[in-house]
Amino acid sequence: MPPRSTPPTWQPAWPGARLRLFRLGLYLTVHGSSPQDLAQRLAEVRALAASLLLDVALATWRQLQGWITSLPFGFDALGMRRVFDTDALAASFPFTSPDLPISAGTPTGVCCSA
């Protein structure tokens, strides 16, 4: 029987750092004034998510569950969770994106009215 090779050990970038895993679902609700506008906005969201190496899965035939999940109740009716490590989770927060201009403070949400 050949000897097993030992896997390389993980070394943190700084002393005392720990790699943690998180199981979560990241949900977005996209609004549009017409089907064409919705398709355009959805394409923009998909392009932005792809640039951050995030995979977008639509809640096809589960629109009600998706809408309920995206409300601020803390209830996950979709159950589409994935495992994120610390770096991937930090990259998914909106205030770490270079695309958002921050004049003062940390934004917790961006609301735009047309």
PDB file of N, CA and C in Angstrom:
ATOM      1  N   MET A   1       0.846  -1.169   0.000  1.00  0.00           N
ATOM      2  CA  MET A   1       0.000   0.000   0.000  1.00  0.00           C
ATOM      3  C   MET A   1       0.902   1.245   0.000  1.00  0.00           C
ATOM      4  N   PRO A   2       0.709   2.163  -0.959  1.00  0.00           N
ATOM      5  CA  PRO A   2       1.556   3.354  -1.011  1.00  0.00           C
ATOM      6  C   PRO A   2       1.238   4.292   0.147  1.00  0.00           C
ATOM      7  N   PRO A   3       2.230   5.038   0.615  1.00  0.00           N
ATOM      8  CA  PRO A   3       1.968   5.968   1.724  1.00  0.00           C
ATOM      9  C   PRO A   3       1.072   7.111   1.272  1.00  0.00           C
ATOM     10  N   ARG A   4       0.248   7.568   2.177  1.00  0.00           N
ATOM     11  CA  ARG A   4      -0.640   8.693   1.880  1.00  0.00           C
ATOM     12  C   ARG A   4       0.147   9.988   1.896  1.00  0.00           C
ATOM     13  N   SER A   5      -0.210  10.850   0.968  1.00  0.00           N
ATOM     14  CA  SER A   5       0.414  12.164   1.002  1.00  0.00           C
ATOM     15  C   SER A   5      -0.398  13.052   1.936  1.00  0.00           C
ATOM     16  N   THR A   6       0.269  13.815   2.718  1.00  0.00           N
ATOM     17  CA  THR A   6      -0.431  14.690   3.651  1.00  0.00           C
ATOM     18  C   THR A   6      -0.815  15.975   2.934  1.00  0.00           C
ATOM     19  N   PRO A   7      -2.029  16.450   3.147  1.00  0.00           N
ATOM     20  CA  PRO A   7      -2.439  17.689   2.482  1.00  0.00           C
ATOM     21  C   PRO A   7      -1.675  18.874   3.052  1.00  0.00           C
ATOM     22  N   PRO A   8      -1.457  19.905   2.236  1.00  0.00           N
ATOM     23  CA  PRO A   8      -0.760  21.078   2.761  1.00  0.00           C
ATOM     24  C   PRO A   8      -1.606  21.766   3.824  1.00  0.00           C
ATOM     25  N   THR A   9      -0.944  22.314   4.795  1.00  0.00           N
ATOM     26  CA  THR A   9      -1.667  23.006   5.856  1.00  0.00           C
ATOM     27  C   THR A   9      -1.996  24.415   5.418  1.00  0.00           C
ATOM     28  N   TRP A  10      -3.113  24.889   5.883  1.00  0.00           N
ATOM     29  CA  TRP A  10      -3.547  26.243   5.545  1.00  0.00           C
ATOM     30  C   TRP A  10      -2.825  27.230   6.426  1.00  0.00           C
ATOM     31  N   GLN A  11      -2.251  28.242   5.807  1.00  0.00           N
ATOM     32  CA  GLN A  11      -1.537  29.266   6.557  1.00  0.00           C
ATOM     33  C   GLN A  11      -2.304  30.576   6.438  1.00  0.00           C
ATOM     34  N   PRO A  12      -2.686  31.194   7.549  1.00  0.00           N
ATOM     35  CA  PRO A  12      -3.410  32.460   7.473  1.00  0.00           C
ATOM     36  C   PRO A  12      -2.520  33.579   6.950  1.00  0.00           C
ATOM     37  N   ALA A  13      -3.169  34.601   6.373  1.00  0.00           N
ATOM     38  CA  ALA A  13      -2.437  35.736   5.828  1.00  0.00           C
ATOM     39  C   ALA A  13      -1.819  36.570   6.938  1.00  0.00           C
ATOM     40  N   TRP A  14      -2.396  36.575   8.106  1.00  0.00           N
ATOM     41  CA  TRP A  14      -1.858  37.325   9.243  1.00  0.00           C
ATOM     42  C   TRP A  14      -1.977  36.455  10.486  1.00  0.00           C
ATOM     43  N   PRO A  15      -1.110  36.680  11.468  1.00  0.00           N
ATOM     44  CA  PRO A  15      -1.148  35.848  12.680  1.00  0.00           C
ATOM     45  C   PRO A  15      -2.486  35.981  13.405  1.00  0.00           C
ATOM     46  N   GLY A  16      -2.999  34.902  13.858  1.00  0.00           N
ATOM     47  CA  GLY A  16      -4.246  34.910  14.610  1.00  0.00           C
ATOM     48  C   GLY A  16      -5.491  34.830  13.737  1.00  0.00           C
ATOM     49  N   ALA A  17      -5.341  34.865  12.413  1.00  0.00           N
ATOM     50  CA  ALA A  17      -6.509  34.803  11.521  1.00  0.00           C
ATOM     51  C   ALA A  17      -7.013  33.371  11.444  1.00  0.00           C
ATOM     52  N   ARG A  18      -8.329  33.246  11.318  1.00  0.00           N
ATOM     53  CA  ARG A  18      -8.930  31.925  11.196  1.00  0.00           C
ATOM     54  C   ARG A  18      -9.833  31.892   9.978  1.00  0.00           C
ATOM     55  N   LEU A  19      -9.802  30.788   9.277  1.00  0.00           N
ATOM     56  CA  LEU A  19     -10.716  30.574   8.174  1.00  0.00           C
ATOM     57  C   LEU A  19     -11.999  30.019   8.742  1.00  0.00           C
ATOM     58  N   ARG A  20     -13.107  30.670   8.445  1.00  0.00           N
ATOM     59  CA  ARG A  20     -14.404  30.193   8.924  1.00  0.00           C
ATOM     60  C   ARG A  20     -15.285  29.934   7.721  1.00  0.00           C
ATOM     61  N   LEU A  21     -16.178  28.997   7.847  1.00  0.00           N
ATOM     62  CA  LEU A  21     -17.139  28.680   6.802  1.00  0.00           C
ATOM     63  C   LEU A  21     -18.528  29.092   7.269  1.00  0.00           C
ATOM     64  N   PHE A  22     -19.292  29.659   6.347  1.00  0.00           N
ATOM     65  CA  PHE A  22     -20.644  30.122   6.635  1.00  0.00           C
ATOM     66  C   PHE A  22     -21.586  29.502   5.617  1.00  0.00           C
ATOM     67  N   ARG A  23     -22.724  29.022   6.072  1.00  0.00           N
ATOM     68  CA  ARG A  23     -23.747  28.476   5.176  1.00  0.00           C
ATOM     69  C   ARG A  23     -24.874  29.491   5.137  1.00  0.00           C
ATOM     70  N   LEU A  24     -25.068  30.092   3.963  1.00  0.00           N
ATOM     71  CA  LEU A  24     -26.067  31.150   3.857  1.00  0.00           C
ATOM     72  C   LEU A  24     -26.630  31.223   2.452  1.00  0.00           C
ATOM     73  N   GLY A  25     -27.738  31.915   2.360  1.00  0.00           N
ATOM     74  CA  GLY A  25     -28.353  32.222   1.080  1.00  0.00           C
ATOM     75  C   GLY A  25     -28.311  33.722   0.869  1.00  0.00           C
ATOM     76  N   LEU A  26     -27.909  34.149  -0.299  1.00  0.00           N
ATOM     77  CA  LEU A  26     -27.833  35.563  -0.633  1.00  0.00           C
ATOM     78  C   LEU A  26     -28.869  35.815  -1.719  1.00  0.00           C
ATOM     79  N   TYR A  27     -29.927  36.555  -1.375  1.00  0.00           N
ATOM     80  CA  TYR A  27     -31.056  36.726  -2.279  1.00  0.00           C
ATOM     81  C   TYR A  27     -31.204  38.196  -2.679  1.00  0.00           C
ATOM     82  N   LEU A  28     -31.570  38.412  -3.924  1.00  0.00           N
ATOM     83  CA  LEU A  28     -31.808  39.751  -4.453  1.00  0.00           C
ATOM     84  C   LEU A  28     -33.180  39.793  -5.096  1.00  0.00           C
ATOM     85  N   THR A  29     -33.861  40.916  -4.959  1.00  0.00           N
ATOM     86  CA  THR A  29     -35.115  41.150  -5.660  1.00  0.00           C
ATOM     87  C   THR A  29     -34.872  42.249  -6.679  1.00  0.00           C
ATOM     88  N   VAL A  30     -35.191  41.982  -7.930  1.00  0.00           N
ATOM     89  CA  VAL A  30     -34.979  42.938  -9.013  1.00  0.00           C
ATOM     90  C   VAL A  30     -36.345  43.420  -9.484  1.00  0.00           C
ATOM     91  N   HIS A  31     -36.518  44.736  -9.544  1.00  0.00           N
ATOM     92  CA  HIS A  31     -37.778  45.337  -9.970  1.00  0.00           C
ATOM     93  C   HIS A  31     -37.610  45.977 -11.345  1.00  0.00           C
ATOM     94  N   GLY A  32     -38.684  46.000 -12.109  1.00  0.00           N
ATOM     95  CA  GLY A  32     -38.695  46.668 -13.409  1.00  0.00           C
ATOM     96  C   GLY A  32     -40.079  47.180 -13.714  1.00  0.00           C
ATOM     97  N   SER A  33     -40.155  48.269 -14.477  1.00  0.00           N
ATOM     98  CA  SER A  33     -41.452  48.870 -14.809  1.00  0.00           C
ATOM     99  C   SER A  33     -42.146  48.156 -15.965  1.00  0.00           C
ATOM    100  N   SER A  34     -41.407  47.389 -16.749  1.00  0.00           N
ATOM    101  CA  SER A  34     -41.970  46.625 -17.864  1.00  0.00           C
ATOM    102  C   SER A  34     -41.159  45.340 -18.002  1.00  0.00           C
ATOM    103  N   PRO A  35     -41.655  44.372 -18.745  1.00  0.00           N
ATOM    104  CA  PRO A  35     -40.870  43.142 -18.935  1.00  0.00           C
ATOM    105  C   PRO A  35     -39.508  43.407 -19.583  1.00  0.00           C
ATOM    106  N   GLN A  36     -39.447  44.371 -20.490  1.00  0.00           N
ATOM    107  CA  GLN A  36     -38.179  44.704 -21.134  1.00  0.00           C
ATOM    108  C   GLN A  36     -37.221  45.358 -20.136  1.00  0.00           C
ATOM    109  N   ASP A  37     -37.753  46.260 -19.302  1.00  0.00           N
ATOM    110  CA  ASP A  37     -36.933  46.906 -18.289  1.00  0.00           C
ATOM    111  C   ASP A  37     -36.432  45.889 -17.271  1.00  0.00           C
ATOM    112  N   LEU A  38     -37.287  44.965 -16.887  1.00  0.00           N
ATOM    113  CA  LEU A  38     -36.893  43.915 -15.944  1.00  0.00           C
ATOM    114  C   LEU A  38     -35.791  43.038 -16.536  1.00  0.00           C
ATOM    115  N   ALA A  39     -35.913  42.685 -17.806  1.00  0.00           N
ATOM    116  CA  ALA A  39     -34.887  41.865 -18.460  1.00  0.00           C
ATOM    117  C   ALA A  39     -33.551  42.604 -18.514  1.00  0.00           C
ATOM    118  N   GLN A  40     -33.600  43.909 -18.776  1.00  0.00           N
ATOM    119  CA  GLN A  40     -32.368  44.698 -18.822  1.00  0.00           C
ATOM    120  C   GLN A  40     -31.726  44.783 -17.440  1.00  0.00           C
ATOM    121  N   ARG A  41     -32.522  45.035 -16.421  1.00  0.00           N
ATOM    122  CA  ARG A  41     -31.980  45.128 -15.058  1.00  0.00           C
ATOM    123  C   ARG A  41     -31.443  43.785 -14.581  1.00  0.00           C
ATOM    124  N   LEU A  42     -32.120  42.713 -14.945  1.00  0.00           N
ATOM    125  CA  LEU A  42     -31.655  41.379 -14.576  1.00  0.00           C
ATOM    126  C   LEU A  42     -30.324  41.069 -15.249  1.00  0.00           C
ATOM    127  N   ALA A  43     -30.177  41.482 -16.504  1.00  0.00           N
ATOM    128  CA  ALA A  43     -28.903  41.282 -17.200  1.00  0.00           C
ATOM    129  C   ALA A  43     -27.782  42.070 -16.524  1.00  0.00           C
ATOM    130  N   GLU A  44     -28.086  43.277 -16.039  1.00  0.00           N
ATOM    131  CA  GLU A  44     -27.084  44.070 -15.324  1.00  0.00           C
ATOM    132  C   GLU A  44     -26.675  43.405 -14.018  1.00  0.00           C
ATOM    133  N   VAL A  45     -27.658  42.881 -13.288  1.00  0.00           N
ATOM    134  CA  VAL A  45     -27.362  42.202 -12.019  1.00  0.00           C
ATOM    135  C   VAL A  45     -26.540  40.950 -12.272  1.00  0.00           C
ATOM    136  N   ARG A  46     -26.885  40.182 -13.305  1.00  0.00           N
ATOM    137  CA  ARG A  46     -26.125  38.978 -13.624  1.00  0.00           C
ATOM    138  C   ARG A  46     -24.692  39.309 -14.019  1.00  0.00           C
ATOM    139  N   ALA A  47     -24.515  40.391 -14.792  1.00  0.00           N
ATOM    140  CA  ALA A  47     -23.164  40.786 -15.194  1.00  0.00           C
ATOM    141  C   ALA A  47     -22.343  41.219 -13.991  1.00  0.00           C
ATOM    142  N   LEU A  48     -22.959  41.980 -13.086  1.00  0.00           N
ATOM    143  CA  LEU A  48     -22.245  42.408 -11.882  1.00  0.00           C
ATOM    144  C   LEU A  48     -21.896  41.218 -10.995  1.00  0.00           C
ATOM    145  N   ALA A  49     -22.825  40.284 -10.844  1.00  0.00           N
ATOM    146  CA  ALA A  49     -22.559  39.091 -10.033  1.00  0.00           C
ATOM    147  C   ALA A  49     -21.463  38.236 -10.667  1.00  0.00           C
ATOM    148  N   ALA A  50     -21.470  38.119 -11.981  1.00  0.00           N
ATOM    149  CA  ALA A  50     -20.436  37.342 -12.662  1.00  0.00           C
ATOM    150  C   ALA A  50     -19.067  37.992 -12.501  1.00  0.00           C
ATOM    151  N   SER A  51     -19.029  39.322 -12.451  1.00  0.00           N
ATOM    152  CA  SER A  51     -17.747  39.995 -12.252  1.00  0.00           C
ATOM    153  C   SER A  51     -17.198  39.758 -10.849  1.00  0.00           C
ATOM    154  N   LEU A  52     -18.072  39.452  -9.889  1.00  0.00           N
ATOM    155  CA  LEU A  52     -17.663  39.129  -8.524  1.00  0.00           C
ATOM    156  C   LEU A  52     -17.532  37.624  -8.299  1.00  0.00           C
ATOM    157  N   LEU A  53     -17.634  36.839  -9.386  1.00  0.00           N
ATOM    158  CA  LEU A  53     -17.553  35.375  -9.353  1.00  0.00           C
ATOM    159  C   LEU A  53     -18.686  34.751  -8.547  1.00  0.00           C
ATOM    160  N   LEU A  54     -19.869  35.375  -8.599  1.00  0.00           N
ATOM    161  CA  LEU A  54     -21.052  34.822  -7.955  1.00  0.00           C
ATOM    162  C   LEU A  54     -21.960  34.228  -9.024  1.00  0.00           C
ATOM    163  N   ASP A  55     -22.534  33.083  -8.736  1.00  0.00           N
ATOM    164  CA  ASP A  55     -23.449  32.427  -9.660  1.00  0.00           C
ATOM    165  C   ASP A  55     -24.876  32.815  -9.298  1.00  0.00           C
ATOM    166  N   VAL A  56     -25.650  33.253 -10.291  1.00  0.00           N
ATOM    167  CA  VAL A  56     -27.021  33.697 -10.061  1.00  0.00           C
ATOM    168  C   VAL A  56     -27.968  32.574 -10.477  1.00  0.00           C
ATOM    169  N   ALA A  57     -28.834  32.174  -9.566  1.00  0.00           N
ATOM    170  CA  ALA A  57     -29.848  31.163  -9.859  1.00  0.00           C
ATOM    171  C   ALA A  57     -31.218  31.806  -9.679  1.00  0.00           C
ATOM    172  N   LEU A  58     -32.061  31.694 -10.681  1.00  0.00           N
ATOM    173  CA  LEU A  58     -33.391  32.280 -10.613  1.00  0.00           C
ATOM    174  C   LEU A  58     -34.333  31.380  -9.818  1.00  0.00           C
ATOM    175  N   ALA A  59     -35.283  31.991  -9.165  1.00  0.00           N
ATOM    176  CA  ALA A  59     -36.298  31.247  -8.414  1.00  0.00           C
ATOM    177  C   ALA A  59     -37.486  30.977  -9.349  1.00  0.00           C
ATOM    178  N   THR A  60     -37.249  30.224 -10.399  1.00  0.00           N
ATOM    179  CA  THR A  60     -38.269  29.935 -11.396  1.00  0.00           C
ATOM    180  C   THR A  60     -39.393  29.107 -10.782  1.00  0.00           C
ATOM    181  N   TRP A  61     -40.612  29.520 -11.012  1.00  0.00           N
ATOM    182  CA  TRP A  61     -41.834  28.907 -10.495  1.00  0.00           C
ATOM    183  C   TRP A  61     -41.918  28.984  -8.970  1.00  0.00           C
ATOM    184  N   ARG A  62     -41.086  29.793  -8.342  1.00  0.00           N
ATOM    185  CA  ARG A  62     -41.130  29.979  -6.893  1.00  0.00           C
ATOM    186  C   ARG A  62     -41.052  31.468  -6.568  1.00  0.00           C
ATOM    187  N   GLN A  63     -41.794  32.275  -7.327  1.00  0.00           N
ATOM    188  CA  GLN A  63     -41.732  33.720  -7.147  1.00  0.00           C
ATOM    189  C   GLN A  63     -42.236  34.146  -5.769  1.00  0.00           C
ATOM    190  N   LEU A  64     -43.303  33.537  -5.289  1.00  0.00           N
ATOM    191  CA  LEU A  64     -43.842  33.906  -3.983  1.00  0.00           C
ATOM    192  C   LEU A  64     -42.844  33.595  -2.865  1.00  0.00           C
ATOM    193  N   GLN A  65     -42.244  32.407  -2.914  1.00  0.00           N
ATOM    194  CA  GLN A  65     -41.251  32.053  -1.911  1.00  0.00           C
ATOM    195  C   GLN A  65     -40.037  32.981  -1.999  1.00  0.00           C
ATOM    196  N   GLY A  66     -39.641  33.352  -3.210  1.00  0.00           N
ATOM    197  CA  GLY A  66     -38.523  34.278  -3.377  1.00  0.00           C
ATOM    198  C   GLY A  66     -38.830  35.649  -2.829  1.00  0.00           C
ATOM    199  N   TRP A  67     -40.036  36.133  -3.057  1.00  0.00           N
ATOM    200  CA  TRP A  67     -40.426  37.449  -2.552  1.00  0.00           C
ATOM    201  C   TRP A  67     -40.474  37.439  -1.023  1.00  0.00           C
ATOM    202  N   ILE A  68     -41.051  36.380  -0.443  1.00  0.00           N
ATOM    203  CA  ILE A  68     -41.126  36.274   1.018  1.00  0.00           C
ATOM    204  C   ILE A  68     -39.721  36.195   1.616  1.00  0.00           C
ATOM    205  N   THR A  69     -38.838  35.461   0.964  1.00  0.00           N
ATOM    206  CA  THR A  69     -37.473  35.319   1.460  1.00  0.00           C
ATOM    207  C   THR A  69     -36.717  36.643   1.430  1.00  0.00           C
ATOM    208  N   SER A  70     -36.979  37.470   0.418  1.00  0.00           N
ATOM    209  CA  SER A  70     -36.238  38.733   0.308  1.00  0.00           C
ATOM    210  C   SER A  70     -36.800  39.830   1.210  1.00  0.00           C
ATOM    211  N   LEU A  71     -37.943  39.592   1.858  1.00  0.00           N
ATOM    212  CA  LEU A  71     -38.465  40.557   2.828  1.00  0.00           C
ATOM    213  C   LEU A  71     -37.642  40.485   4.114  1.00  0.00           C
ATOM    214  N   PRO A  72     -37.579  41.564   4.883  1.00  0.00           N
ATOM    215  CA  PRO A  72     -36.724  41.576   6.084  1.00  0.00           C
ATOM    216  C   PRO A  72     -37.336  40.864   7.295  1.00  0.00           C
ATOM    217  N   PHE A  73     -37.785  39.618   7.099  1.00  0.00           N
ATOM    218  CA  PHE A  73     -38.351  38.838   8.190  1.00  0.00           C
ATOM    219  C   PHE A  73     -37.360  37.824   8.754  1.00  0.00           C
ATOM    220  N   GLY A  74     -36.286  37.549   8.025  1.00  0.00           N
ATOM    221  CA  GLY A  74     -35.333  36.529   8.454  1.00  0.00           C
ATOM    222  C   GLY A  74     -35.839  35.120   8.213  1.00  0.00           C
ATOM    223  N   PHE A  75     -36.761  34.950   7.264  1.00  0.00           N
ATOM    224  CA  PHE A  75     -37.343  33.643   6.958  1.00  0.00           C
ATOM    225  C   PHE A  75     -36.894  33.220   5.570  1.00  0.00           C
ATOM    226  N   ASP A  76     -36.280  32.057   5.449  1.00  0.00           N
ATOM    227  CA  ASP A  76     -35.769  31.555   4.176  1.00  0.00           C
ATOM    228  C   ASP A  76     -36.721  30.506   3.627  1.00  0.00           C
ATOM    229  N   ALA A  77     -37.632  30.935   2.754  1.00  0.00           N
ATOM    230  CA  ALA A  77     -38.592  30.005   2.156  1.00  0.00           C
ATOM    231  C   ALA A  77     -37.995  29.250   0.973  1.00  0.00           C
ATOM    232  N   LEU A  78     -36.902  29.748   0.395  1.00  0.00           N
ATOM    233  CA  LEU A  78     -36.286  29.085  -0.754  1.00  0.00           C
ATOM    234  C   LEU A  78     -35.311  27.985  -0.340  1.00  0.00           C
ATOM    235  N   GLY A  79     -34.528  28.240   0.691  1.00  0.00           N
ATOM    236  CA  GLY A  79     -33.571  27.242   1.160  1.00  0.00           C
ATOM    237  C   GLY A  79     -32.441  26.977   0.194  1.00  0.00           C
ATOM    238  N   MET A  80     -32.071  27.959  -0.605  1.00  0.00           N
ATOM    239  CA  MET A  80     -30.977  27.801  -1.569  1.00  0.00           C
ATOM    240  C   MET A  80     -29.696  28.340  -0.929  1.00  0.00           C
ATOM    241  N   ARG A  81     -29.125  27.570  -0.027  1.00  0.00           N
ATOM    242  CA  ARG A  81     -27.948  28.019   0.703  1.00  0.00           C
ATOM    243  C   ARG A  81     -26.691  27.398   0.115  1.00  0.00           C
ATOM    244  N   ARG A  82     -25.601  28.118   0.246  1.00  0.00           N
ATOM    245  CA  ARG A  82     -24.290  27.646  -0.186  1.00  0.00           C
ATOM    246  C   ARG A  82     -23.293  27.897   0.937  1.00  0.00           C
ATOM    247  N   VAL A  83     -22.149  27.260   0.845  1.00  0.00           N
ATOM    248  CA  VAL A  83     -21.091  27.453   1.832  1.00  0.00           C
ATOM    249  C   VAL A  83     -20.141  28.535   1.313  1.00  0.00           C
ATOM    250  N   PHE A  84     -19.925  29.553   2.123  1.00  0.00           N
ATOM    251  CA  PHE A  84     -19.010  30.636   1.810  1.00  0.00           C
ATOM    252  C   PHE A  84     -17.869  30.593   2.822  1.00  0.00           C
ATOM    253  N   ASP A  85     -16.654  30.828   2.355  1.00  0.00           N
ATOM    254  CA  ASP A  85     -15.578  31.031   3.318  1.00  0.00           C
ATOM    255  C   ASP A  85     -15.506  32.512   3.659  1.00  0.00           C
ATOM    256  N   THR A  86     -14.609  32.873   4.533  1.00  0.00           N
ATOM    257  CA  THR A  86     -14.543  34.242   5.026  1.00  0.00           C
ATOM    258  C   THR A  86     -14.306  35.242   3.900  1.00  0.00           C
ATOM    259  N   ASP A  87     -13.389  34.939   2.987  1.00  0.00           N
ATOM    260  CA  ASP A  87     -13.075  35.870   1.900  1.00  0.00           C
ATOM    261  C   ASP A  87     -14.243  36.040   0.937  1.00  0.00           C
ATOM    262  N   ALA A  88     -14.906  34.947   0.583  1.00  0.00           N
ATOM    263  CA  ALA A  88     -16.033  35.042  -0.344  1.00  0.00           C
ATOM    264  C   ALA A  88     -17.201  35.796   0.275  1.00  0.00           C
ATOM    265  N   LEU A  89     -17.437  35.589   1.556  1.00  0.00           N
ATOM    266  CA  LEU A  89     -18.510  36.299   2.229  1.00  0.00           C
ATOM    267  C   LEU A  89     -18.208  37.790   2.316  1.00  0.00           C
ATOM    268  N   ALA A  90     -16.965  38.143   2.601  1.00  0.00           N
ATOM    269  CA  ALA A  90     -16.589  39.555   2.678  1.00  0.00           C
ATOM    270  C   ALA A  90     -16.725  40.228   1.318  1.00  0.00           C
ATOM    271  N   ALA A  91     -16.442  39.519   0.235  1.00  0.00           N
ATOM    272  CA  ALA A  91     -16.552  40.100  -1.110  1.00  0.00           C
ATOM    273  C   ALA A  91     -17.996  40.305  -1.528  1.00  0.00           C
ATOM    274  N   SER A  92     -18.939  39.616  -0.885  1.00  0.00           N
ATOM    275  CA  SER A  92     -20.340  39.736  -1.283  1.00  0.00           C
ATOM    276  C   SER A  92     -21.053  40.912  -0.628  1.00  0.00           C
ATOM    277  N   PHE A  93     -20.435  41.560   0.350  1.00  0.00           N
ATOM    278  CA  PHE A  93     -21.072  42.699   0.996  1.00  0.00           C
ATOM    279  C   PHE A  93     -21.010  43.920   0.086  1.00  0.00           C
ATOM    280  N   PRO A  94     -22.087  44.695   0.011  1.00  0.00           N
ATOM    281  CA  PRO A  94     -22.103  45.820  -0.925  1.00  0.00           C
ATOM    282  C   PRO A  94     -21.144  46.941  -0.566  1.00  0.00           C
ATOM    283  N   PHE A  95     -20.825  47.123   0.705  1.00  0.00           N
ATOM    284  CA  PHE A  95     -19.943  48.225   1.044  1.00  0.00           C
ATOM    285  C   PHE A  95     -18.478  47.909   0.821  1.00  0.00           C
ATOM    286  N   THR A  96     -18.160  46.712   0.304  1.00  0.00           N
ATOM    287  CA  THR A  96     -16.789  46.410  -0.070  1.00  0.00           C
ATOM    288  C   THR A  96     -16.572  46.562  -1.569  1.00  0.00           C
ATOM    289  N   SER A  97     -17.604  46.903  -2.303  1.00  0.00           N
ATOM    290  CA  SER A  97     -17.506  47.036  -3.750  1.00  0.00           C
ATOM    291  C   SER A  97     -16.913  48.385  -4.125  1.00  0.00           C
ATOM    292  N   PRO A  98     -16.022  48.429  -5.096  1.00  0.00           N
ATOM    293  CA  PRO A  98     -15.488  49.714  -5.537  1.00  0.00           C
ATOM    294  C   PRO A  98     -16.479  50.497  -6.389  1.00  0.00           C
ATOM    295  N   ASP A  99     -17.620  49.887  -6.729  1.00  0.00           N
ATOM    296  CA  ASP A  99     -18.602  50.541  -7.590  1.00  0.00           C
ATOM    297  C   ASP A  99     -19.502  51.511  -6.843  1.00  0.00           C
ATOM    298  N   LEU A 100     -19.545  51.429  -5.523  1.00  0.00           N
ATOM    299  CA  LEU A 100     -20.420  52.295  -4.753  1.00  0.00           C
ATOM    300  C   LEU A 100     -19.657  53.496  -4.220  1.00  0.00           C
ATOM    301  N   PRO A 101     -20.092  54.706  -4.571  1.00  0.00           N
ATOM    302  CA  PRO A 101     -19.428  55.871  -3.987  1.00  0.00           C
ATOM    303  C   PRO A 101     -19.900  56.081  -2.554  1.00  0.00           C
ATOM    304  N   ILE A 102     -18.964  56.221  -1.645  1.00  0.00           N
ATOM    305  CA  ILE A 102     -19.293  56.413  -0.241  1.00  0.00           C
ATOM    306  C   ILE A 102     -18.767  57.783   0.175  1.00  0.00           C
ATOM    307  N   SER A 103     -19.679  58.707   0.455  1.00  0.00           N
ATOM    308  CA  SER A 103     -19.239  60.037   0.868  1.00  0.00           C
ATOM    309  C   SER A 103     -19.061  60.109   2.380  1.00  0.00           C
ATOM    310  N   ALA A 104     -19.942  59.471   3.113  1.00  0.00           N
ATOM    311  CA  ALA A 104     -19.828  59.480   4.574  1.00  0.00           C
ATOM    312  C   ALA A 104     -20.530  58.261   5.132  1.00  0.00           C
ATOM    313  N   GLY A 105     -19.845  57.495   5.934  1.00  0.00           N
ATOM    314  CA  GLY A 105     -20.458  56.348   6.588  1.00  0.00           C
ATOM    315  C   GLY A 105     -20.457  55.102   5.728  1.00  0.00           C
ATOM    316  N   THR A 106     -21.117  54.092   6.220  1.00  0.00           N
ATOM    317  CA  THR A 106     -21.224  52.812   5.538  1.00  0.00           C
ATOM    318  C   THR A 106     -22.665  52.621   5.087  1.00  0.00           C
ATOM    319  N   PRO A 107     -22.906  52.417   3.788  1.00  0.00           N
ATOM    320  CA  PRO A 107     -24.280  52.220   3.347  1.00  0.00           C
ATOM    321  C   PRO A 107     -24.784  50.828   3.743  1.00  0.00           C
ATOM    322  N   THR A 108     -26.002  50.755   4.194  1.00  0.00           N
ATOM    323  CA  THR A 108     -26.594  49.461   4.506  1.00  0.00           C
ATOM    324  C   THR A 108     -27.601  49.078   3.439  1.00  0.00           C
ATOM    325  N   GLY A 109     -27.836  49.938   2.500  1.00  0.00           N
ATOM    326  CA  GLY A 109     -28.725  49.657   1.376  1.00  0.00           C
ATOM    327  C   GLY A 109     -28.715  50.861   0.458  1.00  0.00           C
ATOM    328  N   VAL A 110     -28.946  50.612  -0.802  1.00  0.00           N
ATOM    329  CA  VAL A 110     -28.976  51.693  -1.770  1.00  0.00           C
ATOM    330  C   VAL A 110     -30.367  51.712  -2.387  1.00  0.00           C
ATOM    331  N   CYS A 111     -31.048  52.814  -2.294  1.00  0.00           N
ATOM    332  CA  CYS A 111     -32.398  52.934  -2.848  1.00  0.00           C
ATOM    333  C   CYS A 111     -32.387  54.058  -3.881  1.00  0.00           C
ATOM    334  N   CYS A 112     -32.827  53.735  -5.041  1.00  0.00           N
ATOM    335  CA  CYS A 112     -32.876  54.726  -6.124  1.00  0.00           C
ATOM    336  C   CYS A 112     -34.313  54.830  -6.605  1.00  0.00           C
ATOM    337  N   SER A 113     -34.822  56.045  -6.749  1.00  0.00           N
ATOM    338  CA  SER A 113     -36.166  56.226  -7.292  1.00  0.00           C
ATOM    339  C   SER A 113     -36.042  56.780  -8.700  1.00  0.00           C
ATOM    340  N   ALA A 114     -36.858  56.268  -9.583  1.00  0.00           N
ATOM    341  CA  ALA A 114     -36.797  56.687 -10.984  1.00  0.00           C
ATOM    342  C   ALA A 114     -37.704  57.847 -11.242  1.00  0.00           C
TER     343      ALA A 114
END
